[in-house]
N, C-alpha and C. Protein backbone atom coordinates (compact mmCIF):
# COMPACT_ATOMS: atom_id res chain seq x y z
N MET A 1 0.83 -1.19 0.00
CA MET A 1 0.00 0.00 0.00
C MET A 1 0.88 1.25 0.00
N ARG A 2 0.52 2.19 -0.85
CA ARG A 2 1.19 3.49 -0.85
C ARG A 2 0.37 4.45 0.01
N LEU A 3 1.04 5.19 0.86
CA LEU A 3 0.38 6.11 1.78
C LEU A 3 -0.52 7.09 1.04
N GLU A 4 0.01 7.64 -0.07
CA GLU A 4 -0.76 8.64 -0.81
C GLU A 4 -2.00 8.07 -1.49
N ASP A 5 -2.09 6.75 -1.60
CA ASP A 5 -3.29 6.13 -2.17
C ASP A 5 -4.43 6.08 -1.16
N SER A 6 -4.10 6.16 0.12
CA SER A 6 -5.12 6.04 1.16
C SER A 6 -5.36 7.33 1.94
N TYR A 7 -4.40 8.27 1.88
CA TYR A 7 -4.50 9.49 2.68
C TYR A 7 -4.21 10.71 1.82
N ASP A 8 -4.83 11.81 2.17
CA ASP A 8 -4.63 13.06 1.44
C ASP A 8 -3.41 13.79 2.00
N LEU A 9 -2.25 13.52 1.40
CA LEU A 9 -1.00 14.09 1.88
C LEU A 9 -0.88 15.59 1.57
N SER A 10 -1.76 16.11 0.74
CA SER A 10 -1.72 17.55 0.43
C SER A 10 -2.12 18.39 1.65
N LYS A 11 -2.66 17.74 2.68
CA LYS A 11 -3.02 18.47 3.90
C LYS A 11 -1.81 18.75 4.79
N ILE A 12 -0.67 18.19 4.43
CA ILE A 12 0.56 18.46 5.18
C ILE A 12 1.26 19.63 4.50
N ARG A 13 1.54 20.67 5.29
CA ARG A 13 2.20 21.87 4.76
C ARG A 13 3.62 21.95 5.28
N ASN A 14 4.53 22.32 4.40
CA ASN A 14 5.92 22.56 4.79
C ASN A 14 6.04 24.07 5.05
N ILE A 15 5.89 24.44 6.30
CA ILE A 15 5.91 25.85 6.69
C ILE A 15 7.26 26.48 6.37
N THR A 16 8.34 25.74 6.60
CA THR A 16 9.68 26.25 6.32
C THR A 16 9.82 26.60 4.84
N ALA A 17 9.42 25.70 3.96
CA ALA A 17 9.54 25.96 2.52
C ALA A 17 8.73 27.19 2.13
N GLU A 18 7.53 27.31 2.66
CA GLU A 18 6.70 28.48 2.35
C GLU A 18 7.40 29.77 2.78
N LYS A 19 8.03 29.76 3.95
CA LYS A 19 8.75 30.95 4.43
C LYS A 19 9.96 31.26 3.55
N VAL A 20 10.67 30.22 3.11
CA VAL A 20 11.83 30.42 2.23
C VAL A 20 11.36 31.04 0.91
N TYR A 21 10.29 30.54 0.34
CA TYR A 21 9.78 31.07 -0.94
C TYR A 21 9.40 32.54 -0.78
N ARG A 22 8.71 32.91 0.31
CA ARG A 22 8.31 34.31 0.51
C ARG A 22 9.53 35.20 0.70
N LYS A 23 10.52 34.71 1.46
CA LYS A 23 11.74 35.50 1.69
C LYS A 23 12.49 35.72 0.37
N MET A 24 12.59 34.69 -0.46
CA MET A 24 13.28 34.83 -1.75
C MET A 24 12.53 35.80 -2.65
N GLU A 25 11.21 35.75 -2.67
CA GLU A 25 10.43 36.70 -3.47
C GLU A 25 10.78 38.13 -3.07
N LYS A 26 10.86 38.36 -1.78
CA LYS A 26 11.20 39.70 -1.27
C LYS A 26 12.61 40.10 -1.68
N LEU A 27 13.57 39.19 -1.53
CA LEU A 27 14.96 39.51 -1.88
C LEU A 27 15.13 39.76 -3.38
N ILE A 28 14.42 39.01 -4.20
CA ILE A 28 14.48 39.21 -5.65
C ILE A 28 14.00 40.62 -6.01
N GLU A 29 12.97 41.08 -5.32
CA GLU A 29 12.44 42.44 -5.57
C GLU A 29 13.36 43.53 -5.04
N GLU A 30 13.99 43.30 -3.89
CA GLU A 30 14.70 44.36 -3.18
C GLU A 30 16.20 44.45 -3.49
N ARG A 31 16.81 43.36 -3.90
CA ARG A 31 18.27 43.36 -4.04
C ARG A 31 18.69 43.10 -5.47
N ASP A 32 19.88 43.59 -5.80
CA ASP A 32 20.44 43.28 -7.11
C ASP A 32 21.91 42.89 -7.01
N ASP A 33 22.26 42.25 -5.89
CA ASP A 33 23.63 41.82 -5.69
C ASP A 33 23.81 40.32 -5.94
N PHE A 34 22.83 39.67 -6.55
CA PHE A 34 22.95 38.27 -6.91
C PHE A 34 22.17 38.01 -8.19
N CYS A 35 22.57 36.97 -8.89
CA CYS A 35 21.92 36.60 -10.15
C CYS A 35 20.53 36.04 -9.86
N LYS A 36 19.57 36.47 -10.64
CA LYS A 36 18.19 36.05 -10.43
C LYS A 36 17.68 35.12 -11.52
N CYS A 37 18.62 34.49 -12.24
CA CYS A 37 18.19 33.51 -13.24
C CYS A 37 17.61 32.30 -12.51
N GLU A 38 16.88 31.48 -13.22
CA GLU A 38 16.21 30.33 -12.61
C GLU A 38 17.20 29.40 -11.93
N ASN A 39 18.33 29.11 -12.58
CA ASN A 39 19.32 28.21 -11.98
C ASN A 39 19.80 28.73 -10.63
N CYS A 40 20.17 29.99 -10.58
CA CYS A 40 20.72 30.55 -9.34
C CYS A 40 19.68 30.64 -8.24
N VAL A 41 18.49 31.10 -8.57
CA VAL A 41 17.45 31.21 -7.54
C VAL A 41 17.09 29.83 -6.99
N LEU A 42 16.92 28.85 -7.87
CA LEU A 42 16.59 27.50 -7.40
C LEU A 42 17.74 26.91 -6.58
N ASP A 43 18.97 27.19 -6.96
CA ASP A 43 20.12 26.71 -6.17
C ASP A 43 20.13 27.35 -4.78
N ILE A 44 19.84 28.63 -4.70
CA ILE A 44 19.80 29.32 -3.41
C ILE A 44 18.67 28.74 -2.54
N VAL A 45 17.51 28.54 -3.14
CA VAL A 45 16.38 27.97 -2.40
C VAL A 45 16.71 26.56 -1.91
N ALA A 46 17.29 25.73 -2.78
CA ALA A 46 17.64 24.36 -2.40
C ALA A 46 18.68 24.36 -1.28
N TYR A 47 19.70 25.21 -1.41
CA TYR A 47 20.72 25.31 -0.37
C TYR A 47 20.06 25.67 0.96
N THR A 48 19.20 26.69 0.92
CA THR A 48 18.54 27.16 2.14
C THR A 48 17.71 26.05 2.77
N LEU A 49 16.89 25.37 1.97
CA LEU A 49 16.04 24.31 2.52
C LEU A 49 16.86 23.16 3.11
N ASN A 50 18.04 22.93 2.57
CA ASN A 50 18.90 21.88 3.10
C ASN A 50 19.63 22.29 4.37
N HIS A 51 19.56 23.57 4.74
CA HIS A 51 20.30 24.05 5.91
C HIS A 51 19.40 24.66 6.98
N VAL A 52 18.12 24.43 6.91
CA VAL A 52 17.21 24.93 7.94
C VAL A 52 16.37 23.78 8.49
N THR A 53 15.80 24.00 9.65
CA THR A 53 14.97 22.99 10.28
C THR A 53 13.64 22.87 9.55
N PRO A 54 13.26 21.66 9.13
CA PRO A 54 11.95 21.50 8.52
C PRO A 54 10.85 21.71 9.57
N TYR A 55 9.74 22.24 9.14
CA TYR A 55 8.62 22.52 10.05
C TYR A 55 7.34 22.21 9.29
N TYR A 56 6.72 21.09 9.61
CA TYR A 56 5.51 20.64 8.94
C TYR A 56 4.32 20.79 9.86
N ALA A 57 3.17 21.06 9.26
CA ALA A 57 1.91 21.13 10.00
C ALA A 57 0.81 20.61 9.09
N THR A 58 -0.25 20.13 9.69
CA THR A 58 -1.41 19.73 8.90
C THR A 58 -2.38 20.88 8.85
N SER A 59 -3.10 20.97 7.77
CA SER A 59 -4.05 22.07 7.65
C SER A 59 -5.23 21.86 8.60
N LEU A 60 -5.41 20.64 9.10
CA LEU A 60 -6.53 20.38 10.00
C LEU A 60 -6.26 20.79 11.44
N ILE A 61 -5.10 20.41 11.99
CA ILE A 61 -4.86 20.70 13.40
C ILE A 61 -3.69 21.64 13.64
N GLY A 62 -2.90 21.90 12.63
CA GLY A 62 -1.74 22.77 12.81
C GLY A 62 -0.64 22.08 13.59
N SER A 63 0.31 22.86 14.02
CA SER A 63 1.46 22.32 14.74
C SER A 63 1.10 22.08 16.20
N LEU A 64 1.73 21.09 16.79
CA LEU A 64 1.56 20.82 18.21
C LEU A 64 2.59 21.58 19.05
N ASP A 65 3.59 22.16 18.40
CA ASP A 65 4.62 22.92 19.10
C ASP A 65 4.15 24.35 19.33
N PRO A 66 4.73 24.99 20.34
CA PRO A 66 4.45 26.43 20.49
C PRO A 66 4.95 27.14 19.24
N LYS A 67 4.06 27.74 18.49
CA LYS A 67 4.39 28.24 17.16
C LYS A 67 5.32 29.45 17.16
N ARG A 68 5.08 30.44 17.95
CA ARG A 68 5.83 31.70 17.86
C ARG A 68 7.33 31.50 17.99
N ARG A 69 7.74 30.83 19.04
CA ARG A 69 9.17 30.66 19.29
C ARG A 69 9.82 29.84 18.19
N LYS A 70 9.16 28.77 17.78
CA LYS A 70 9.72 27.90 16.75
C LYS A 70 9.79 28.64 15.41
N GLU A 71 8.74 29.36 15.06
CA GLU A 71 8.74 30.08 13.78
C GLU A 71 9.80 31.17 13.76
N ARG A 72 10.02 31.86 14.86
CA ARG A 72 11.04 32.91 14.91
C ARG A 72 12.43 32.30 14.73
N ARG A 73 12.67 31.15 15.37
CA ARG A 73 13.96 30.47 15.23
C ARG A 73 14.18 30.06 13.78
N ILE A 74 13.15 29.56 13.15
CA ILE A 74 13.26 29.14 11.75
C ILE A 74 13.51 30.35 10.86
N GLU A 75 12.88 31.47 11.13
CA GLU A 75 13.12 32.68 10.34
C GLU A 75 14.58 33.12 10.42
N VAL A 76 15.18 33.02 11.60
CA VAL A 76 16.59 33.37 11.77
C VAL A 76 17.46 32.38 10.98
N GLU A 77 17.15 31.09 11.08
CA GLU A 77 17.88 30.08 10.31
C GLU A 77 17.79 30.38 8.82
N ILE A 78 16.61 30.75 8.36
CA ILE A 78 16.40 31.04 6.93
C ILE A 78 17.26 32.23 6.51
N ASP A 79 17.24 33.30 7.30
CA ASP A 79 18.04 34.48 6.96
C ASP A 79 19.52 34.13 6.83
N ILE A 80 20.03 33.35 7.76
CA ILE A 80 21.45 32.97 7.74
C ILE A 80 21.73 32.07 6.53
N ALA A 81 20.88 31.08 6.30
CA ALA A 81 21.10 30.12 5.21
C ALA A 81 20.96 30.77 3.84
N ILE A 82 20.03 31.69 3.69
CA ILE A 82 19.88 32.37 2.39
C ILE A 82 21.13 33.18 2.08
N GLU A 83 21.64 33.91 3.06
CA GLU A 83 22.85 34.71 2.82
C GLU A 83 24.03 33.82 2.44
N GLU A 84 24.17 32.69 3.14
CA GLU A 84 25.25 31.76 2.81
C GLU A 84 25.02 31.16 1.43
N GLY A 85 23.77 30.83 1.11
CA GLY A 85 23.45 30.29 -0.21
C GLY A 85 23.76 31.28 -1.32
N ILE A 86 23.44 32.53 -1.12
CA ILE A 86 23.74 33.57 -2.12
C ILE A 86 25.25 33.64 -2.34
N LYS A 87 26.03 33.64 -1.26
CA LYS A 87 27.50 33.68 -1.39
C LYS A 87 28.01 32.48 -2.18
N ARG A 88 27.55 31.30 -1.82
CA ARG A 88 28.03 30.09 -2.49
C ARG A 88 27.64 30.05 -3.96
N VAL A 89 26.42 30.42 -4.27
CA VAL A 89 25.97 30.39 -5.67
C VAL A 89 26.70 31.46 -6.48
N LYS A 90 26.95 32.63 -5.88
CA LYS A 90 27.73 33.65 -6.58
C LYS A 90 29.13 33.16 -6.91
N ASN A 91 29.72 32.39 -6.00
CA ASN A 91 31.06 31.87 -6.21
C ASN A 91 31.10 30.68 -7.16
N HIS A 92 29.99 29.96 -7.28
CA HIS A 92 29.93 28.75 -8.11
C HIS A 92 28.60 28.67 -8.85
N PRO A 93 28.32 29.64 -9.73
CA PRO A 93 27.03 29.59 -10.45
C PRO A 93 27.03 28.47 -11.48
N HIS A 94 25.83 28.05 -11.86
CA HIS A 94 25.69 27.00 -12.89
C HIS A 94 25.56 27.62 -14.28
N HIS A 95 26.25 28.74 -14.51
CA HIS A 95 26.31 29.41 -15.81
C HIS A 95 27.56 30.24 -15.85
N GLU A 96 27.78 30.92 -16.96
CA GLU A 96 28.96 31.78 -17.08
C GLU A 96 28.93 32.85 -16.01
N GLU A 97 29.96 33.66 -15.94
CA GLU A 97 30.07 34.68 -14.92
C GLU A 97 28.77 35.45 -14.75
N TYR A 98 28.51 35.85 -13.50
CA TYR A 98 27.33 36.65 -13.17
C TYR A 98 27.24 37.84 -14.12
N GLY A 99 26.09 38.02 -14.71
CA GLY A 99 25.89 39.14 -15.63
C GLY A 99 26.20 38.81 -17.07
N LYS A 100 26.76 37.65 -17.36
CA LYS A 100 27.11 37.27 -18.73
C LYS A 100 26.35 36.03 -19.17
N LYS A 101 25.10 35.90 -18.72
CA LYS A 101 24.30 34.73 -19.06
C LYS A 101 23.90 34.75 -20.51
């Protein structure tokens, strides 16, 4: 039996991923010190998600943890990981030099 055949897994939300996506949207609008091509943005997002604490909740009952403290800690982790991801991708982009795509 496959779990997704018996249960609606779409009710599980990855709160961390949602926060990373919103933060990247904001940075893309506000900053111009990193390449915003699809490869670079996806690499930064992937790096960030691999370096922050996952935080899942169901849409029915939400998280069982105290939300405020945990969400604030995750936001700090995201800020640190995104900055590190931007540095790493700038140093090793998956295309020619930044600005010469």
